[in-house]
Every structure is written in structure tokens, then in C-alpha cells.
Amino acid sequence: MLDHIFLSVSNLERSVAFYTVALAPLGITSRVDYDGKDGPAGHPDLKGFGANGRIFFWLREGTAAGGATHVGFVANSTEIVDQAYAAAIKAGATDNGAPGIRLYYDPRYYAAGVIDPDGYTLEFVYKSWQH
């Protein structure tokens, strides 16, 4: 199980605005700003997102390597997949696979894909057998 991920983005303010909108339908609404000066030498400033008392998705300013990272976010229903996809598109994402069943994985795998402003691929996923 993962505890957290850092994603380097080219424009921190733009990415915080994007992810605030795109992750809200998933219930990922908690936000934390971490001042890198509070960590060891060279630690970056971070903008964190989370839910249920955990901050697990962090953004840091840096060189974006769009296409190098794919992040899948859990959705609790097919409707939430649809809502997250719509919110991300509205916030400036590019379509990378409309909401629907992904038969090539499993007939119960429902997902939608987008590309964020830095070129990272995101997937909103509902797997009925995991709920």
C-alpha cells in the first residue's frame, strides 16, 4: 500500500487549482501546505491533498515529466467516476478515455481518463469487487 506520492509540476498555483476541482468529487478535499524549510536541507515546499485524516497526494514545483507518471484514484461508484471526469475536464484536463467499462481489464472495471495540465495521465477508477 502506498503512503504518498510527490508529483513535480511546472506551475504550482495552476496545479493546485486544477487538482482542487478535479479531486473534490472523489472526496479528496483536505489540503495542507508544507514549508520545505521545516524539513531537511533541500526539502521542497509541498501542496498536499487527502481525505479521511490522511494527506497522500503531494505537488511540488519542478520539472514536469508529463507522460512519465500515471496516477489512478479510487472512486466509490461509477457516478463518482463520471463526476470526477467532468470536473477534471471543466478544470482544464484533456480527455484520455471517456467514462465506461474497461473490458480489456475486467467487465467490472469502470474508469475514465484525463491528462492534467502538465501531461500526467490520471485515471478515476471504480472496481466493484474492491468495495
C-alpha atoms as a PDB file:
ATOM      1  CA  MET A   1       0.000   0.000   0.000  1.00  0.00           C
ATOM      2  CA  LEU A   2       1.281   3.451  -0.859  1.00  0.00           C
ATOM      3  CA  ASP A   3       1.524   6.165   1.762  1.00  0.00           C
ATOM      4  CA  HIS A   4       2.158   9.146  -0.507  1.00  0.00           C
ATOM      5  CA  ILE A   5       3.345  10.346  -3.892  1.00  0.00           C
ATOM      6  CA  PHE A   6       5.091  13.580  -4.941  1.00  0.00           C
ATOM      7  CA  LEU A   7       4.320  14.916  -8.409  1.00  0.00           C
ATOM      8  CA  SER A   8       6.541  17.654  -9.860  1.00  0.00           C
ATOM      9  CA  VAL A   9       4.513  20.312 -11.666  1.00  0.00           C
ATOM     10  CA  SER A  10       5.588  23.265 -13.770  1.00  0.00           C
ATOM     11  CA  ASN A  11       3.158  25.764 -12.224  1.00  0.00           C
ATOM     12  CA  LEU A  12       2.213  25.045  -8.622  1.00  0.00           C
ATOM     13  CA  GLU A  13      -0.610  27.576  -8.407  1.00  0.00           C
ATOM     14  CA  ARG A  14      -2.255  26.285 -11.610  1.00  0.00           C
ATOM     15  CA  SER A  15      -1.922  22.670 -10.489  1.00  0.00           C
ATOM     16  CA  VAL A  16      -3.352  23.339  -7.020  1.00  0.00           C
ATOM     17  CA  ALA A  17      -6.370  24.990  -8.663  1.00  0.00           C
ATOM     18  CA  PHE A  18      -6.763  22.071 -11.095  1.00  0.00           C
ATOM     19  CA  TYR A  19      -6.481  19.301  -8.504  1.00  0.00           C
ATOM     20  CA  THR A  20      -8.727  21.119  -6.020  1.00  0.00           C
ATOM     21  CA  VAL A  21     -11.547  20.881  -8.584  1.00  0.00           C
ATOM     22  CA  ALA A  22     -10.667  17.519 -10.123  1.00  0.00           C
ATOM     23  CA  LEU A  23     -10.284  15.589  -6.851  1.00  0.00           C
ATOM     24  CA  ALA A  24     -13.286  17.036  -4.992  1.00  0.00           C
ATOM     25  CA  PRO A  25     -15.827  14.545  -6.416  1.00  0.00           C
ATOM     26  CA  LEU A  26     -13.645  11.744  -5.042  1.00  0.00           C
ATOM     27  CA  GLY A  27     -13.849  13.218  -1.538  1.00  0.00           C
ATOM     28  CA  ILE A  28     -10.201  14.290  -1.687  1.00  0.00           C
ATOM     29  CA  THR A  29     -10.821  17.721  -0.200  1.00  0.00           C
ATOM     30  CA  SER A  30      -8.309  18.098   2.636  1.00  0.00           C
ATOM     31  CA  ARG A  31      -5.420  20.443   1.823  1.00  0.00           C
ATOM     32  CA  VAL A  32      -2.085  21.035   3.549  1.00  0.00           C
ATOM     33  CA  ASP A  33       0.757  23.368   2.641  1.00  0.00           C
ATOM     34  CA  TYR A  34       4.171  22.180   3.811  1.00  0.00           C
ATOM     35  CA  ASP A  35       7.019  24.674   4.061  1.00  0.00           C
ATOM     36  CA  GLY A  36      10.193  22.929   2.894  1.00  0.00           C
ATOM     37  CA  LYS A  37      12.230  24.917   5.445  1.00  0.00           C
ATOM     38  CA  ASP A  38      10.629  22.717   8.125  1.00  0.00           C
ATOM     39  CA  GLY A  39      12.266  19.609   6.667  1.00  0.00           C
ATOM     40  CA  PRO A  40      15.828  18.543   5.969  1.00  0.00           C
ATOM     41  CA  ALA A  41      18.081  20.688   3.773  1.00  0.00           C
ATOM     42  CA  GLY A  42      16.777  20.893   0.223  1.00  0.00           C
ATOM     43  CA  HIS A  43      13.263  19.664   1.034  1.00  0.00           C
ATOM     44  CA  PRO A  44      10.759  21.215  -1.390  1.00  0.00           C
ATOM     45  CA  ASP A  45       7.681  23.200  -0.494  1.00  0.00           C
ATOM     46  CA  LEU A  46       4.683  20.905  -0.956  1.00  0.00           C
ATOM     47  CA  LYS A  47       0.971  21.259  -1.556  1.00  0.00           C
ATOM     48  CA  GLY A  48      -0.868  18.218  -0.221  1.00  0.00           C
ATOM     49  CA  PHE A  49      -4.269  16.688  -0.877  1.00  0.00           C
ATOM     50  CA  GLY A  50      -6.017  13.964   1.055  1.00  0.00           C
ATOM     51  CA  ALA A  51      -9.087  12.560   2.752  1.00  0.00           C
ATOM     52  CA  ASN A  52     -10.094  10.774   5.938  1.00  0.00           C
ATOM     53  CA  GLY A  53      -7.285  12.264   8.007  1.00  0.00           C
ATOM     54  CA  ARG A  54      -4.530  11.350   5.537  1.00  0.00           C
ATOM     55  CA  ILE A  55      -2.618  13.564   3.115  1.00  0.00           C
ATOM     56  CA  PHE A  56      -1.234  11.328   0.390  1.00  0.00           C
ATOM     57  CA  PHE A  57      -1.030  13.249  -2.892  1.00  0.00           C
ATOM     58  CA  TRP A  58       1.606  15.992  -2.935  1.00  0.00           C
ATOM     59  CA  LEU A  59       2.578  18.557  -5.555  1.00  0.00           C
ATOM     60  CA  ARG A  60       5.950  20.242  -5.750  1.00  0.00           C
ATOM     61  CA  GLU A  61       7.230  22.874  -8.155  1.00  0.00           C
ATOM     62  CA  GLY A  62       9.765  21.439 -10.559  1.00  0.00           C
ATOM     63  CA  THR A  63      10.357  19.976 -13.955  1.00  0.00           C
ATOM     64  CA  ALA A  64       7.196  18.217 -15.048  1.00  0.00           C
ATOM     65  CA  ALA A  65       7.665  14.921 -16.834  1.00  0.00           C
ATOM     66  CA  GLY A  66       4.202  14.503 -18.309  1.00  0.00           C
ATOM     67  CA  GLY A  67       3.590  11.007 -19.563  1.00  0.00           C
ATOM     68  CA  ALA A  68       6.167   9.610 -17.141  1.00  0.00           C
ATOM     69  CA  THR A  69       3.633   9.129 -14.363  1.00  0.00           C
ATOM     70  CA  HIS A  70       0.135   7.675 -14.291  1.00  0.00           C
ATOM     71  CA  VAL A  71      -1.975   8.104 -11.153  1.00  0.00           C
ATOM     72  CA  GLY A  72      -5.139   6.105 -10.537  1.00  0.00           C
ATOM     73  CA  PHE A  73      -7.608   7.465  -7.999  1.00  0.00           C
ATOM     74  CA  VAL A  74     -10.229   5.276  -6.309  1.00  0.00           C
ATOM     75  CA  ALA A  75     -13.854   6.259  -6.829  1.00  0.00           C
ATOM     76  CA  ASN A  76     -16.642   4.786  -4.709  1.00  0.00           C
ATOM     77  CA  SER A  77     -19.122   4.441  -7.580  1.00  0.00           C
ATOM     78  CA  THR A  78     -19.497   4.760 -11.330  1.00  0.00           C
ATOM     79  CA  GLU A  79     -21.313   8.052 -10.756  1.00  0.00           C
ATOM     80  CA  ILE A  80     -18.299   9.447  -8.918  1.00  0.00           C
ATOM     81  CA  VAL A  81     -16.039   8.381 -11.796  1.00  0.00           C
ATOM     82  CA  ASP A  82     -18.330  10.358 -14.101  1.00  0.00           C
ATOM     83  CA  GLN A  83     -18.308  13.384 -11.780  1.00  0.00           C
ATOM     84  CA  ALA A  84     -14.510  13.377 -11.356  1.00  0.00           C
ATOM     85  CA  TYR A  85     -14.013  13.104 -15.120  1.00  0.00           C
ATOM     86  CA  ALA A  86     -16.407  16.019 -15.757  1.00  0.00           C
ATOM     87  CA  ALA A  87     -14.784  18.131 -13.038  1.00  0.00           C
ATOM     88  CA  ALA A  88     -11.288  17.483 -14.400  1.00  0.00           C
ATOM     89  CA  ILE A  89     -12.330  18.351 -17.963  1.00  0.00           C
ATOM     90  CA  LYS A  90     -14.006  21.525 -16.704  1.00  0.00           C
ATOM     91  CA  ALA A  91     -10.812  22.410 -14.791  1.00  0.00           C
ATOM     92  CA  GLY A  92      -8.698  22.146 -17.954  1.00  0.00           C
ATOM     93  CA  ALA A  93      -7.818  18.483 -18.409  1.00  0.00           C
ATOM     94  CA  THR A  94      -7.732  16.792 -21.794  1.00  0.00           C
ATOM     95  CA  ASP A  95      -9.810  13.675 -22.419  1.00  0.00           C
ATOM     96  CA  ASN A  96      -7.864  10.416 -22.260  1.00  0.00           C
ATOM     97  CA  GLY A  97     -10.770   7.977 -22.204  1.00  0.00           C
ATOM     98  CA  ALA A  98     -14.415   8.772 -21.506  1.00  0.00           C
ATOM     99  CA  PRO A  99     -16.117   7.077 -18.556  1.00  0.00           C
ATOM    100  CA  GLY A 100     -17.014   3.479 -19.232  1.00  0.00           C
ATOM    101  CA  ILE A 101     -16.288  -0.175 -18.644  1.00  0.00           C
ATOM    102  CA  ARG A 102     -12.751  -1.284 -19.466  1.00  0.00           C
ATOM    103  CA  LEU A 103     -13.409  -4.810 -20.721  1.00  0.00           C
ATOM    104  CA  TYR A 104      -9.733  -5.320 -21.512  1.00  0.00           C
ATOM    105  CA  TYR A 105      -9.130  -5.339 -17.736  1.00  0.00           C
ATOM    106  CA  ASP A 106     -12.365  -6.752 -16.332  1.00  0.00           C
ATOM    107  CA  PRO A 107     -16.103  -6.321 -17.017  1.00  0.00           C
ATOM    108  CA  ARG A 108     -16.426  -4.758 -13.555  1.00  0.00           C
ATOM    109  CA  TYR A 109     -13.645  -2.192 -14.117  1.00  0.00           C
ATOM    110  CA  TYR A 110     -15.249   1.226 -14.678  1.00  0.00           C
ATOM    111  CA  ALA A 111     -12.942   4.153 -15.300  1.00  0.00           C
ATOM    112  CA  ALA A 112     -12.291   7.456 -17.001  1.00  0.00           C
ATOM    113  CA  GLY A 113      -9.001   9.015 -18.006  1.00  0.00           C
ATOM    114  CA  VAL A 114      -7.715  12.549 -18.367  1.00  0.00           C
ATOM    115  CA  ILE A 115      -4.428  14.306 -18.949  1.00  0.00           C
ATOM    116  CA  ASP A 116      -3.600  17.081 -16.481  1.00  0.00           C
ATOM    117  CA  PRO A 117      -2.094  20.465 -17.490  1.00  0.00           C
ATOM    118  CA  ASP A 118       1.462  19.051 -17.207  1.00  0.00           C
ATOM    119  CA  GLY A 119       0.744  15.949 -19.294  1.00  0.00           C
ATOM    120  CA  TYR A 120       0.360  13.421 -16.470  1.00  0.00           C
ATOM    121  CA  THR A 121      -2.292  10.791 -17.060  1.00  0.00           C
ATOM    122  CA  LEU A 122      -4.914  10.411 -14.362  1.00  0.00           C
ATOM    123  CA  GLU A 123      -7.495   7.691 -14.043  1.00  0.00           C
ATOM    124  CA  PHE A 124     -10.610   7.688 -11.884  1.00  0.00           C
ATOM    125  CA  VAL A 125     -11.485   4.060 -11.168  1.00  0.00           C
ATOM    126  CA  TYR A 126     -14.370   2.093  -9.669  1.00  0.00           C
ATOM    127  CA  LYS A 127     -13.728  -1.624  -9.234  1.00  0.00           C
ATOM    128  CA  SER A 128     -16.908  -3.130  -7.795  1.00  0.00           C
ATOM    129  CA  TRP A 129     -15.099  -6.169  -6.407  1.00  0.00           C
ATOM    130  CA  GLN A 130     -12.926  -3.915  -4.232  1.00  0.00           C
ATOM    131  CA  HIS A 131     -15.838  -2.203  -2.492  1.00  0.00           C
END
